[in-house]
Amino acid sequence: MEDRQYLTTWKRYLPVIRLHIKKSLNEDQQFKLNIQDFESAGDRGKSGYTFNIQMENGKVINNISGSAVARDLYEALKSDDAIKAMLLDKNIKISVGKTFILSIKTTHLSAYR
């Protein structure tokens, strides 16, 4: 299995992702990724780069083990202290679709669970 080949690419995107996570507290965010950045890191072929990560309180709650792109994004997010702080007490969904647009949707966790 390939090992962390997208981590460097995601780390370059962290400042933009940090900004969009912050903005996502008020409204859903989207921005286009550069597909060449990811193709140069590794070839996903027909499986593509699409994924969903659902996080609750900074922890992934869905299975991302089949997607190296998603796993490496989560590693990059965990390595950034500002982002880690923003993930607390929130439910965040990050997804990338076939059009290579990264979407971020954030909701606050209810205190009444």
C-alpha atoms as a PDB file:
ATOM      1  CA  MET A   1       0.000   0.000   0.000  1.00  0.00           C
ATOM      2  CA  GLU A   2       1.296   3.478  -0.873  1.00  0.00           C
ATOM      3  CA  ASP A   3       2.406   5.481   2.100  1.00  0.00           C
ATOM      4  CA  ARG A   4       1.492   9.131   2.673  1.00  0.00           C
ATOM      5  CA  GLN A   5       2.116  10.182  -0.920  1.00  0.00           C
ATOM      6  CA  TYR A   6      -0.469  12.998  -0.761  1.00  0.00           C
ATOM      7  CA  LEU A   7       0.572  14.403   2.626  1.00  0.00           C
ATOM      8  CA  THR A   8       2.971  17.014   1.200  1.00  0.00           C
ATOM      9  CA  THR A   9       0.338  18.138  -1.299  1.00  0.00           C
ATOM     10  CA  TRP A  10      -2.294  18.550   1.422  1.00  0.00           C
ATOM     11  CA  LYS A  11       0.144  20.440   3.662  1.00  0.00           C
ATOM     12  CA  ARG A  12       0.561  23.031   0.894  1.00  0.00           C
ATOM     13  CA  TYR A  13      -3.232  23.495   0.921  1.00  0.00           C
ATOM     14  CA  LEU A  14      -3.488  23.862   4.737  1.00  0.00           C
ATOM     15  CA  PRO A  15      -3.563  27.703   4.837  1.00  0.00           C
ATOM     16  CA  VAL A  16      -6.478  27.734   2.362  1.00  0.00           C
ATOM     17  CA  ILE A  17      -8.258  24.862   4.135  1.00  0.00           C
ATOM     18  CA  ARG A  18      -7.791  26.608   7.506  1.00  0.00           C
ATOM     19  CA  LEU A  19      -9.440  29.757   6.122  1.00  0.00           C
ATOM     20  CA  HIS A  20     -12.332  27.798   4.618  1.00  0.00           C
ATOM     21  CA  ILE A  21     -12.933  25.783   7.798  1.00  0.00           C
ATOM     22  CA  LYS A  22     -13.160  29.075   9.704  1.00  0.00           C
ATOM     23  CA  LYS A  23     -15.612  30.498   7.133  1.00  0.00           C
ATOM     24  CA  SER A  24     -17.612  27.247   7.113  1.00  0.00           C
ATOM     25  CA  LEU A  25     -18.898  28.086  10.605  1.00  0.00           C
ATOM     26  CA  ASN A  26     -21.175  30.634   8.907  1.00  0.00           C
ATOM     27  CA  GLU A  27     -21.795  29.028   5.515  1.00  0.00           C
ATOM     28  CA  ASP A  28     -20.745  25.958   3.540  1.00  0.00           C
ATOM     29  CA  GLN A  29     -17.479  26.439   1.668  1.00  0.00           C
ATOM     30  CA  GLN A  30     -16.117  25.172  -1.631  1.00  0.00           C
ATOM     31  CA  PHE A  31     -12.933  25.695  -3.576  1.00  0.00           C
ATOM     32  CA  LYS A  32     -11.306  24.056  -6.574  1.00  0.00           C
ATOM     33  CA  LEU A  33      -8.214  21.927  -6.117  1.00  0.00           C
ATOM     34  CA  ASN A  34      -5.509  21.688  -8.759  1.00  0.00           C
ATOM     35  CA  ILE A  35      -5.722  18.154 -10.107  1.00  0.00           C
ATOM     36  CA  GLN A  36      -2.094  18.275 -11.317  1.00  0.00           C
ATOM     37  CA  ASP A  37      -0.922  18.613  -7.687  1.00  0.00           C
ATOM     38  CA  PHE A  38      -2.481  15.260  -6.890  1.00  0.00           C
ATOM     39  CA  GLU A  39      -1.655  13.485 -10.144  1.00  0.00           C
ATOM     40  CA  SER A  40       2.027  14.299  -9.667  1.00  0.00           C
ATOM     41  CA  ALA A  41       1.881  12.837  -6.131  1.00  0.00           C
ATOM     42  CA  GLY A  42       0.305   9.549  -7.225  1.00  0.00           C
ATOM     43  CA  ASP A  43      -1.910   8.056  -9.881  1.00  0.00           C
ATOM     44  CA  ARG A  44      -5.356   7.069  -8.643  1.00  0.00           C
ATOM     45  CA  GLY A  45      -6.405   5.990 -12.143  1.00  0.00           C
ATOM     46  CA  LYS A  46     -10.063   5.054 -12.485  1.00  0.00           C
ATOM     47  CA  SER A  47     -10.679   5.146  -8.722  1.00  0.00           C
ATOM     48  CA  GLY A  48     -10.144   8.903  -8.839  1.00  0.00           C
ATOM     49  CA  TYR A  49      -9.690  11.270  -5.955  1.00  0.00           C
ATOM     50  CA  THR A  50     -13.247  11.473  -4.649  1.00  0.00           C
ATOM     51  CA  PHE A  51     -13.861  10.975  -0.936  1.00  0.00           C
ATOM     52  CA  ASN A  52     -15.873  12.049   2.104  1.00  0.00           C
ATOM     53  CA  ILE A  53     -14.450  12.585   5.567  1.00  0.00           C
ATOM     54  CA  GLN A  54     -16.895  13.026   8.420  1.00  0.00           C
ATOM     55  CA  MET A  55     -15.365  14.271  11.644  1.00  0.00           C
ATOM     56  CA  GLU A  56     -16.920  14.743  15.020  1.00  0.00           C
ATOM     57  CA  ASN A  57     -14.914  16.633  17.633  1.00  0.00           C
ATOM     58  CA  GLY A  58     -11.774  16.221  15.494  1.00  0.00           C
ATOM     59  CA  LYS A  59     -12.088  12.434  15.057  1.00  0.00           C
ATOM     60  CA  VAL A  60     -13.030  10.680  11.821  1.00  0.00           C
ATOM     61  CA  ILE A  61     -16.352   8.833  12.229  1.00  0.00           C
ATOM     62  CA  ASN A  62     -16.585   7.206   8.793  1.00  0.00           C
ATOM     63  CA  ASN A  63     -14.270   4.680   7.142  1.00  0.00           C
ATOM     64  CA  ILE A  64     -11.551   6.402   5.101  1.00  0.00           C
ATOM     65  CA  SER A  65      -9.132   3.466   5.089  1.00  0.00           C
ATOM     66  CA  GLY A  66      -9.741   2.828   1.370  1.00  0.00           C
ATOM     67  CA  SER A  67      -8.710   6.328   0.306  1.00  0.00           C
ATOM     68  CA  ALA A  68      -5.068   7.379   0.576  1.00  0.00           C
ATOM     69  CA  VAL A  69      -6.087  10.911  -0.440  1.00  0.00           C
ATOM     70  CA  ALA A  70      -8.565  11.155   2.465  1.00  0.00           C
ATOM     71  CA  ARG A  71      -6.206   9.539   4.991  1.00  0.00           C
ATOM     72  CA  ASP A  72      -3.421  11.951   4.105  1.00  0.00           C
ATOM     73  CA  LEU A  73      -5.761  14.942   4.329  1.00  0.00           C
ATOM     74  CA  TYR A  74      -6.782  13.853   7.824  1.00  0.00           C
ATOM     75  CA  GLU A  75      -3.096  13.470   8.800  1.00  0.00           C
ATOM     76  CA  ALA A  76      -2.395  16.991   7.521  1.00  0.00           C
ATOM     77  CA  LEU A  77      -5.393  18.417   9.416  1.00  0.00           C
ATOM     78  CA  LYS A  78      -4.281  16.724  12.650  1.00  0.00           C
ATOM     79  CA  SER A  79      -0.785  18.182  12.286  1.00  0.00           C
ATOM     80  CA  ASP A  80      -2.066  21.788  12.248  1.00  0.00           C
ATOM     81  CA  ASP A  81      -2.770  23.164  15.747  1.00  0.00           C
ATOM     82  CA  ALA A  82      -5.073  25.962  14.532  1.00  0.00           C
ATOM     83  CA  ILE A  83      -7.201  23.509  12.546  1.00  0.00           C
ATOM     84  CA  LYS A  84      -7.254  20.998  15.421  1.00  0.00           C
ATOM     85  CA  ALA A  85      -8.659  23.722  17.686  1.00  0.00           C
ATOM     86  CA  MET A  86     -11.337  24.616  15.106  1.00  0.00           C
ATOM     87  CA  LEU A  87     -12.445  20.968  14.828  1.00  0.00           C
ATOM     88  CA  LEU A  88     -13.336  20.700  18.522  1.00  0.00           C
ATOM     89  CA  ASP A  89     -17.066  20.669  19.394  1.00  0.00           C
ATOM     90  CA  LYS A  90     -17.976  20.553  15.711  1.00  0.00           C
ATOM     91  CA  ASN A  91     -19.242  18.124  13.154  1.00  0.00           C
ATOM     92  CA  ILE A  92     -17.376  18.690   9.884  1.00  0.00           C
ATOM     93  CA  LYS A  93     -17.805  16.995   6.538  1.00  0.00           C
ATOM     94  CA  ILE A  94     -15.079  17.456   3.940  1.00  0.00           C
ATOM     95  CA  SER A  95     -15.580  15.979   0.517  1.00  0.00           C
ATOM     96  CA  VAL A  96     -14.024  16.056  -2.927  1.00  0.00           C
ATOM     97  CA  GLY A  97     -16.113  15.104  -5.936  1.00  0.00           C
ATOM     98  CA  LYS A  98     -15.326  14.239  -9.539  1.00  0.00           C
ATOM     99  CA  THR A  99     -15.054  17.936 -10.468  1.00  0.00           C
ATOM    100  CA  PHE A 100     -12.196  18.324  -7.972  1.00  0.00           C
ATOM    101  CA  ILE A 101     -14.024  20.784  -5.762  1.00  0.00           C
ATOM    102  CA  LEU A 102     -13.326  20.469  -2.047  1.00  0.00           C
ATOM    103  CA  SER A 103     -16.451  21.143   0.035  1.00  0.00           C
ATOM    104  CA  ILE A 104     -16.539  21.865   3.752  1.00  0.00           C
ATOM    105  CA  LYS A 105     -19.750  21.765   5.774  1.00  0.00           C
ATOM    106  CA  THR A 106     -19.629  22.495   9.510  1.00  0.00           C
ATOM    107  CA  THR A 107     -22.243  22.154  12.228  1.00  0.00           C
ATOM    108  CA  HIS A 108     -21.826  22.632  15.954  1.00  0.00           C
ATOM    109  CA  LEU A 109     -22.244  19.565  18.106  1.00  0.00           C
ATOM    110  CA  SER A 110     -25.294  19.726  20.299  1.00  0.00           C
ATOM    111  CA  ALA A 111     -24.711  19.832  24.037  1.00  0.00           C
ATOM    112  CA  TYR A 112     -27.883  17.748  24.391  1.00  0.00           C
ATOM    113  CA  ARG A 113     -26.705  14.354  23.173  1.00  0.00           C
END
